[in-house]
Amino acid sequence: MGEYLVKRPVKRPPIHPGEILREDVLQTLGLSVSEAARRLGVSRQQLHRILACTHPITTEMALRIGKFAGNGPGLWLRMQQAYDLWNAENRMAGELSKIETAALNNLSS
C-alpha cells in the first residue's frame, strides 16, 4: 500500500508530534507522564519536554515511541519533519524569496 499524503492549508501549521502523543496516545492509554517515561526508558523530564512541544522527536525517541505505540518510527519522524519544515519555511520566507531557482539547462553551461 502506498503512502497517503495529506494536503493541508499552507497557512495552518502542522501539529507537533508531542501533542499527538500527549492528547491521543497517552490519554487513550490512561498513562501518566511518569509511567509512559518508564515504559519508554527515558526520563520524565525528557518526555515532558516533548509533550510540552518544546523539544523535537529525535530518531532515537521515534524508535522508542514507534515501538511503544506499535506504529513504527517513520510516522513520528514524518510528523516532526513536517512541523520543522513548516516553521523553518515561515521563519525564512523573506530570505528564501531572494534566492533564485537555478534552471537545469543553466547549470550545464
N, C-alpha and C. Protein backbone atom coordinates (compact mmCIF):
# COMPACT_ATOMS: atom_id res chain seq x y z
N MET A 1 0.84 -1.18 0.00
CA MET A 1 0.00 0.00 0.00
C MET A 1 0.88 1.23 0.00
N GLY A 2 0.54 2.21 -0.82
CA GLY A 2 1.33 3.43 -0.93
C GLY A 2 1.10 4.36 0.25
N GLU A 3 2.00 5.30 0.39
CA GLU A 3 1.90 6.28 1.46
C GLU A 3 0.84 7.31 1.10
N TYR A 4 0.01 7.65 2.06
CA TYR A 4 -1.05 8.63 1.85
C TYR A 4 -0.53 10.00 2.27
N LEU A 5 -0.52 10.94 1.34
CA LEU A 5 -0.06 12.29 1.63
C LEU A 5 -1.25 13.19 1.91
N VAL A 6 -1.18 13.91 2.99
CA VAL A 6 -2.26 14.80 3.38
C VAL A 6 -1.97 16.19 2.83
N LYS A 7 -2.90 16.75 2.11
CA LYS A 7 -2.80 18.12 1.62
C LYS A 7 -3.37 19.03 2.69
N ARG A 8 -2.57 19.97 3.16
CA ARG A 8 -3.04 20.85 4.23
C ARG A 8 -2.93 22.29 3.79
N PRO A 9 -3.77 23.14 4.36
CA PRO A 9 -3.67 24.56 4.04
C PRO A 9 -2.28 25.08 4.41
N VAL A 10 -1.70 25.89 3.55
CA VAL A 10 -0.34 26.37 3.73
C VAL A 10 -0.20 27.22 5.00
N LYS A 11 -1.23 27.95 5.35
CA LYS A 11 -1.13 28.87 6.49
C LYS A 11 -1.32 28.19 7.84
N ARG A 12 -1.85 27.00 7.86
CA ARG A 12 -2.09 26.30 9.12
C ARG A 12 -0.92 25.38 9.44
N PRO A 13 -0.28 25.57 10.59
CA PRO A 13 0.90 24.76 10.90
C PRO A 13 0.55 23.31 11.24
N PRO A 14 1.46 22.39 10.94
CA PRO A 14 1.26 21.00 11.37
C PRO A 14 1.31 20.94 12.90
N ILE A 15 0.70 19.93 13.44
CA ILE A 15 0.69 19.73 14.89
C ILE A 15 2.02 19.11 15.30
N HIS A 16 2.58 19.58 16.40
CA HIS A 16 3.80 19.00 16.95
C HIS A 16 3.48 17.56 17.37
N PRO A 17 4.36 16.60 17.05
CA PRO A 17 4.08 15.20 17.41
C PRO A 17 3.93 14.98 18.92
N GLY A 18 4.52 15.84 19.73
CA GLY A 18 4.35 15.73 21.18
C GLY A 18 2.90 15.92 21.59
N GLU A 19 2.20 16.78 20.86
CA GLU A 19 0.78 17.00 21.16
C GLU A 19 -0.04 15.75 20.83
N ILE A 20 0.29 15.10 19.73
CA ILE A 20 -0.39 13.86 19.35
C ILE A 20 -0.13 12.79 20.41
N LEU A 21 1.13 12.69 20.82
CA LEU A 21 1.49 11.71 21.84
C LEU A 21 0.75 11.98 23.14
N ARG A 22 0.68 13.24 23.53
CA ARG A 22 0.03 13.63 24.78
C ARG A 22 -1.48 13.44 24.72
N GLU A 23 -2.11 13.99 23.67
CA GLU A 23 -3.57 14.02 23.60
C GLU A 23 -4.20 12.73 23.09
N ASP A 24 -3.53 12.03 22.21
CA ASP A 24 -4.13 10.84 21.61
C ASP A 24 -3.61 9.54 22.22
N VAL A 25 -2.30 9.41 22.30
CA VAL A 25 -1.73 8.13 22.74
C VAL A 25 -1.82 7.96 24.25
N LEU A 26 -1.17 8.85 24.99
CA LEU A 26 -1.13 8.69 26.45
C LEU A 26 -2.51 8.82 27.08
N GLN A 27 -3.30 9.76 26.59
CA GLN A 27 -4.65 9.94 27.14
C GLN A 27 -5.52 8.71 26.89
N THR A 28 -5.44 8.16 25.69
CA THR A 28 -6.23 6.97 25.37
C THR A 28 -5.81 5.79 26.24
N LEU A 29 -4.50 5.67 26.47
CA LEU A 29 -4.00 4.57 27.29
C LEU A 29 -4.16 4.84 28.79
N GLY A 30 -4.48 6.07 29.14
CA GLY A 30 -4.65 6.43 30.54
C GLY A 30 -3.34 6.39 31.33
N LEU A 31 -2.24 6.75 30.64
CA LEU A 31 -0.93 6.70 31.28
C LEU A 31 -0.47 8.08 31.74
N SER A 32 0.19 8.11 32.88
CA SER A 32 0.81 9.34 33.36
C SER A 32 2.12 9.54 32.62
N VAL A 33 2.67 10.73 32.70
CA VAL A 33 3.97 11.02 32.08
C VAL A 33 5.03 10.13 32.71
N SER A 34 4.98 9.95 34.01
CA SER A 34 5.97 9.12 34.71
C SER A 34 5.93 7.67 34.23
N GLU A 35 4.73 7.12 34.11
CA GLU A 35 4.60 5.73 33.68
C GLU A 35 5.01 5.58 32.22
N ALA A 36 4.61 6.51 31.37
CA ALA A 36 5.00 6.45 29.96
C ALA A 36 6.52 6.57 29.82
N ALA A 37 7.12 7.46 30.58
CA ALA A 37 8.58 7.63 30.52
C ALA A 37 9.28 6.34 30.96
N ARG A 38 8.77 5.71 32.00
CA ARG A 38 9.35 4.45 32.46
C ARG A 38 9.27 3.39 31.37
N ARG A 39 8.11 3.27 30.74
CA ARG A 39 7.95 2.27 29.67
C ARG A 39 8.81 2.58 28.45
N LEU A 40 9.02 3.86 28.18
CA LEU A 40 9.85 4.25 27.04
C LEU A 40 11.35 4.18 27.36
N GLY A 41 11.69 4.13 28.64
CA GLY A 41 13.10 4.08 29.03
C GLY A 41 13.79 5.43 28.96
N VAL A 42 13.03 6.49 29.22
CA VAL A 42 13.58 7.86 29.21
C VAL A 42 13.20 8.55 30.52
N SER A 43 13.81 9.69 30.77
CA SER A 43 13.47 10.44 31.98
C SER A 43 12.11 11.12 31.81
N ARG A 44 11.46 11.35 32.92
CA ARG A 44 10.18 12.04 32.92
C ARG A 44 10.34 13.44 32.33
N GLN A 45 11.45 14.10 32.66
CA GLN A 45 11.71 15.45 32.16
C GLN A 45 11.86 15.46 30.64
N GLN A 46 12.57 14.47 30.11
CA GLN A 46 12.76 14.39 28.66
C GLN A 46 11.41 14.22 27.95
N LEU A 47 10.59 13.33 28.46
CA LEU A 47 9.28 13.11 27.85
C LEU A 47 8.40 14.34 28.03
N HIS A 48 8.45 14.96 29.18
CA HIS A 48 7.63 16.15 29.43
C HIS A 48 7.96 17.26 28.44
N ARG A 49 9.23 17.45 28.11
CA ARG A 49 9.62 18.49 27.14
C ARG A 49 9.00 18.22 25.77
N ILE A 50 8.95 16.96 25.38
CA ILE A 50 8.34 16.59 24.10
C ILE A 50 6.83 16.82 24.15
N LEU A 51 6.21 16.40 25.24
CA LEU A 51 4.76 16.56 25.39
C LEU A 51 4.35 18.03 25.46
N ALA A 52 5.26 18.86 25.97
CA ALA A 52 5.01 20.31 26.04
C ALA A 52 5.31 21.00 24.71
N CYS A 53 5.75 20.23 23.73
CA CYS A 53 6.05 20.72 22.37
C CYS A 53 7.21 21.71 22.35
N THR A 54 8.13 21.58 23.29
CA THR A 54 9.29 22.47 23.31
C THR A 54 10.55 21.78 22.77
N HIS A 55 10.49 20.45 22.61
CA HIS A 55 11.62 19.70 22.07
C HIS A 55 11.13 18.77 20.97
N PRO A 56 12.00 18.52 19.99
CA PRO A 56 11.60 17.67 18.87
C PRO A 56 11.68 16.18 19.20
N ILE A 57 11.02 15.40 18.37
CA ILE A 57 11.14 13.95 18.41
C ILE A 57 12.42 13.60 17.66
N THR A 58 13.40 13.04 18.34
CA THR A 58 14.65 12.63 17.70
C THR A 58 14.46 11.25 17.08
N THR A 59 15.43 10.80 16.32
CA THR A 59 15.33 9.46 15.73
C THR A 59 15.25 8.40 16.81
N GLU A 60 16.05 8.55 17.86
CA GLU A 60 16.00 7.57 18.95
C GLU A 60 14.65 7.57 19.64
N MET A 61 14.11 8.76 19.87
CA MET A 61 12.80 8.84 20.53
C MET A 61 11.72 8.29 19.60
N ALA A 62 11.84 8.54 18.29
CA ALA A 62 10.87 7.99 17.33
C ALA A 62 10.89 6.47 17.36
N LEU A 63 12.07 5.89 17.50
CA LEU A 63 12.17 4.43 17.61
C LEU A 63 11.45 3.94 18.86
N ARG A 64 11.66 4.64 19.97
CA ARG A 64 11.02 4.26 21.23
C ARG A 64 9.50 4.39 21.15
N ILE A 65 9.03 5.56 20.67
CA ILE A 65 7.59 5.81 20.60
C ILE A 65 6.94 4.88 19.57
N GLY A 66 7.60 4.69 18.44
CA GLY A 66 7.07 3.81 17.41
C GLY A 66 6.90 2.38 17.90
N LYS A 67 7.84 1.90 18.68
CA LYS A 67 7.75 0.56 19.27
C LYS A 67 6.64 0.53 20.31
N PHE A 68 6.60 1.53 21.17
CA PHE A 68 5.60 1.63 22.23
C PHE A 68 4.18 1.70 21.66
N ALA A 69 3.98 2.56 20.67
CA ALA A 69 2.65 2.75 20.09
C ALA A 69 2.30 1.69 19.05
N GLY A 70 3.31 0.97 18.58
CA GLY A 70 3.07 -0.08 17.60
C GLY A 70 2.88 0.41 16.18
N ASN A 71 3.28 1.65 15.91
CA ASN A 71 3.10 2.17 14.55
C ASN A 71 4.41 2.55 13.88
N GLY A 72 5.53 2.18 14.47
CA GLY A 72 6.84 2.40 13.86
C GLY A 72 7.34 3.82 13.98
N PRO A 73 8.63 4.01 13.77
CA PRO A 73 9.25 5.33 13.93
C PRO A 73 8.98 6.30 12.80
N GLY A 74 8.70 5.80 11.61
CA GLY A 74 8.54 6.66 10.44
C GLY A 74 7.46 7.71 10.60
N LEU A 75 6.34 7.31 11.14
CA LEU A 75 5.22 8.24 11.33
C LEU A 75 5.64 9.41 12.22
N TRP A 76 6.33 9.13 13.32
CA TRP A 76 6.75 10.16 14.27
C TRP A 76 7.79 11.08 13.66
N LEU A 77 8.70 10.51 12.88
CA LEU A 77 9.72 11.33 12.22
C LEU A 77 9.10 12.22 11.14
N ARG A 78 8.15 11.68 10.39
CA ARG A 78 7.49 12.49 9.35
C ARG A 78 6.70 13.64 9.96
N MET A 79 6.03 13.38 11.08
CA MET A 79 5.30 14.46 11.75
C MET A 79 6.26 15.54 12.23
N GLN A 80 7.40 15.14 12.79
CA GLN A 80 8.38 16.11 13.27
C GLN A 80 8.97 16.88 12.10
N GLN A 81 9.27 16.17 11.01
CA GLN A 81 9.83 16.83 9.83
C GLN A 81 8.85 17.85 9.25
N ALA A 82 7.58 17.50 9.16
CA ALA A 82 6.57 18.43 8.64
C ALA A 82 6.47 19.66 9.53
N TYR A 83 6.51 19.46 10.83
CA TYR A 83 6.44 20.56 11.80
C TYR A 83 7.66 21.47 11.65
N ASP A 84 8.85 20.87 11.60
CA ASP A 84 10.09 21.65 11.48
C ASP A 84 10.15 22.40 10.15
N LEU A 85 9.81 21.72 9.07
CA LEU A 85 9.87 22.32 7.74
C LEU A 85 8.91 23.50 7.62
N TRP A 86 7.69 23.34 8.09
CA TRP A 86 6.71 24.41 8.03
C TRP A 86 7.20 25.63 8.80
N ASN A 87 7.72 25.42 10.00
CA ASN A 87 8.20 26.53 10.82
C ASN A 87 9.43 27.20 10.21
N ALA A 88 10.35 26.42 9.65
CA ALA A 88 11.55 26.98 9.01
C ALA A 88 11.16 27.79 7.77
N GLU A 89 10.24 27.25 6.97
CA GLU A 89 9.80 27.97 5.76
C GLU A 89 9.19 29.31 6.11
N ASN A 90 8.37 29.34 7.13
CA ASN A 90 7.73 30.59 7.54
C ASN A 90 8.73 31.56 8.14
N ARG A 91 9.67 31.05 8.91
CA ARG A 91 10.69 31.89 9.52
C ARG A 91 11.64 32.47 8.46
N MET A 92 11.90 31.70 7.40
CA MET A 92 12.87 32.11 6.37
C MET A 92 12.22 32.66 5.10
N ALA A 93 10.92 32.92 5.11
CA ALA A 93 10.21 33.31 3.89
C ALA A 93 10.87 34.47 3.16
N GLY A 94 11.23 35.51 3.86
CA GLY A 94 11.87 36.67 3.23
C GLY A 94 13.20 36.31 2.60
N GLU A 95 13.99 35.56 3.32
CA GLU A 95 15.31 35.15 2.83
C GLU A 95 15.19 34.22 1.62
N LEU A 96 14.24 33.29 1.69
CA LEU A 96 14.06 32.34 0.58
C LEU A 96 13.55 33.04 -0.68
N SER A 97 12.76 34.09 -0.52
CA SER A 97 12.23 34.79 -1.69
C SER A 97 13.33 35.47 -2.50
N LYS A 98 14.48 35.71 -1.89
CA LYS A 98 15.61 36.36 -2.58
C LYS A 98 16.48 35.36 -3.33
N ILE A 99 16.27 34.07 -3.11
CA ILE A 99 17.08 33.04 -3.78
C ILE A 99 16.43 32.67 -5.09
N GLU A 100 17.22 32.81 -6.16
CA GLU A 100 16.73 32.47 -7.49
C GLU A 100 16.87 30.98 -7.73
N THR A 101 15.84 30.37 -8.29
CA THR A 101 15.89 28.96 -8.62
C THR A 101 16.75 28.77 -9.86
N ALA A 102 17.73 27.89 -9.75
CA ALA A 102 18.62 27.63 -10.88
C ALA A 102 17.92 26.72 -11.89
N ALA A 103 17.97 27.12 -13.15
CA ALA A 103 17.41 26.29 -14.21
C ALA A 103 18.40 25.19 -14.55
N LEU A 104 17.93 23.99 -14.76
CA LEU A 104 18.80 22.85 -15.02
C LEU A 104 19.69 23.07 -16.24
N ASN A 105 19.16 23.69 -17.31
CA ASN A 105 19.96 23.91 -18.51
C ASN A 105 21.05 24.97 -18.30
N ASN A 106 20.90 25.85 -17.30
CA ASN A 106 21.94 26.84 -17.00
C ASN A 106 23.10 26.24 -16.24
N LEU A 107 22.86 25.14 -15.55
CA LEU A 107 23.92 24.51 -14.75
C LEU A 107 24.94 23.77 -15.60
N SER A 108 24.55 23.29 -16.78
CA SER A 108 25.46 22.51 -17.60
C SER A 108 26.33 23.38 -18.52
N SER A 109 26.13 24.66 -18.55
CA SER A 109 26.91 25.56 -19.43
C SER A 109 28.30 25.75 -18.92
